Amino acid sequence: EVKSIVFTSLENMLVAPNPTSGPVQFINLPEQCTITVFNLNGERVITLEHSDPDNVNYIWDMKTENNHFISDGLYIYQAETPGGDQKIGKFMIMRNIVPAR
C-alpha cells in the first residue's frame, strides 16, 4: 500500500530548486492555500490559489496577472492557509546562469 504525504501546515513549504531558471515550483503545500508573490518594491506580481487535495505541489509559469513573464531577480512570497497559518520566503529567478570556470 502506497501512502501519500499530507501536509497540514506551511511549515515544510519550499521553492525548489532555488534559484531557478523556471518554472517556479512551490512544494510541500497543504491541501489549500493562497500564495502571493511580490517584487522587491513590494508590488504584488500575482496571487496563486492552490486547492488540490491530491497534489502537494504548485507549478507557476512565472507570468504576472497581466500575462507577462517576470524578470530575473529576487522575489518574496507570502503563503496563507484558510486557518491563518502563514509563511514568508524568497526565491531567485536566474534564467541566464553562467557556469563557473
Protein backbone atom coordinates (compact mmCIF):
# COMPACT_ATOMS: atom_id res chain seq x y z
CA GLU A 1 0.00 0.00 0.00
CA VAL A 2 1.31 3.40 -1.00
CA LYS A 3 0.66 6.18 1.48
CA SER A 4 0.75 9.76 0.33
CA ILE A 5 2.17 12.52 2.46
CA VAL A 6 -0.36 15.09 3.59
CA PHE A 7 0.86 18.48 4.75
CA THR A 8 -1.49 20.31 7.10
CA SER A 9 0.56 23.49 7.52
CA LEU A 10 3.04 25.61 5.59
CA GLU A 11 5.96 24.59 7.82
CA ASN A 12 7.61 22.41 5.13
CA MET A 13 6.78 24.62 2.15
CA LEU A 14 9.72 25.39 -0.15
CA VAL A 15 10.51 26.76 -3.58
CA ALA A 16 12.61 24.20 -5.40
CA PRO A 17 15.01 24.50 -7.00
CA ASN A 18 16.06 27.88 -5.66
CA PRO A 19 17.49 29.71 -7.54
CA THR A 20 15.59 28.57 -10.61
CA SER A 21 15.53 29.36 -14.29
CA GLY A 22 11.86 28.36 -14.26
CA PRO A 23 9.18 27.37 -13.80
CA VAL A 24 8.74 28.15 -10.10
CA GLN A 25 7.71 25.11 -8.07
CA PHE A 26 6.12 25.58 -4.65
CA ILE A 27 6.36 22.21 -2.90
CA ASN A 28 5.08 20.53 0.27
CA LEU A 29 1.84 22.51 0.27
CA PRO A 30 -1.23 21.80 2.36
CA GLU A 31 -4.48 20.97 0.58
CA GLN A 32 -5.49 24.62 0.34
CA CYS A 33 -3.50 27.86 0.47
CA THR A 34 -3.05 31.23 -1.20
CA ILE A 35 0.41 32.26 -2.40
CA THR A 36 1.04 35.94 -3.15
CA VAL A 37 4.26 36.85 -4.98
CA PHE A 38 5.81 40.31 -4.60
CA ASN A 39 8.76 42.02 -6.26
CA LEU A 40 11.37 43.80 -4.14
CA ASN A 41 9.45 47.07 -4.44
CA GLY A 42 6.59 45.41 -2.56
CA GLU A 43 4.36 45.35 -5.62
CA ARG A 44 2.09 42.31 -5.96
CA VAL A 45 3.08 40.27 -9.02
CA ILE A 46 0.39 37.59 -8.77
CA THR A 47 -1.85 35.76 -6.33
CA LEU A 48 -1.98 31.99 -6.80
CA GLU A 49 -4.74 29.79 -5.37
CA HIS A 50 -3.78 26.22 -4.53
CA SER A 51 -6.70 23.91 -3.81
CA ASP A 52 -5.87 20.31 -4.65
CA PRO A 53 -6.08 17.52 -2.07
CA ASP A 54 -4.19 15.16 -4.40
CA ASN A 55 -1.22 17.39 -5.20
CA VAL A 56 1.19 18.92 -2.66
CA ASN A 57 2.96 20.97 -5.35
CA TYR A 58 2.03 24.05 -7.38
CA ILE A 59 3.92 24.92 -10.55
CA TRP A 60 3.78 28.59 -11.54
CA ASP A 61 4.57 29.55 -15.14
CA MET A 62 6.26 32.81 -13.99
CA LYS A 63 3.62 35.03 -15.63
CA THR A 64 2.09 38.05 -13.93
CA GLU A 65 -1.64 38.63 -13.62
CA ASN A 66 -1.26 40.64 -16.87
CA ASN A 67 0.20 37.55 -18.57
CA HIS A 68 3.75 38.97 -18.83
CA PHE A 69 6.81 36.94 -17.87
CA ILE A 70 8.58 38.16 -14.73
CA SER A 71 12.13 39.48 -14.89
CA ASP A 72 15.16 37.80 -13.40
CA GLY A 73 15.73 38.79 -9.80
CA LEU A 74 14.68 38.20 -6.21
CA TYR A 75 11.01 37.74 -5.28
CA ILE A 76 9.18 37.42 -1.97
CA TYR A 77 6.23 35.10 -1.43
CA GLN A 78 3.63 35.07 1.31
CA ALA A 79 1.58 31.93 1.70
CA GLU A 80 -1.51 31.60 3.88
CA THR A 81 -3.94 28.81 4.66
CA PRO A 82 -7.65 29.35 5.35
CA GLY A 83 -6.87 28.58 9.02
CA GLY A 84 -4.44 31.51 9.26
CA ASP A 85 -1.10 29.65 9.04
CA GLN A 86 1.41 31.91 7.23
CA LYS A 87 4.86 31.62 5.74
CA ILE A 88 7.04 34.22 4.07
CA GLY A 89 10.02 33.27 1.92
CA LYS A 90 12.06 34.31 -1.07
CA PHE A 91 13.23 32.86 -4.36
CA MET A 92 15.60 33.91 -7.13
CA ILE A 93 14.91 33.79 -10.86
CA MET A 94 18.10 33.39 -12.91
CA ARG A 95 17.41 32.37 -16.50
CA ASN A 96 20.91 33.04 -17.80
CA ILE A 97 23.03 31.17 -15.31
CA VAL A 98 26.65 31.06 -16.47
CA PRO A 99 28.63 28.10 -15.09
CA ALA A 100 31.71 28.99 -13.06
CA ARG A 101 35.06 28.24 -14.67
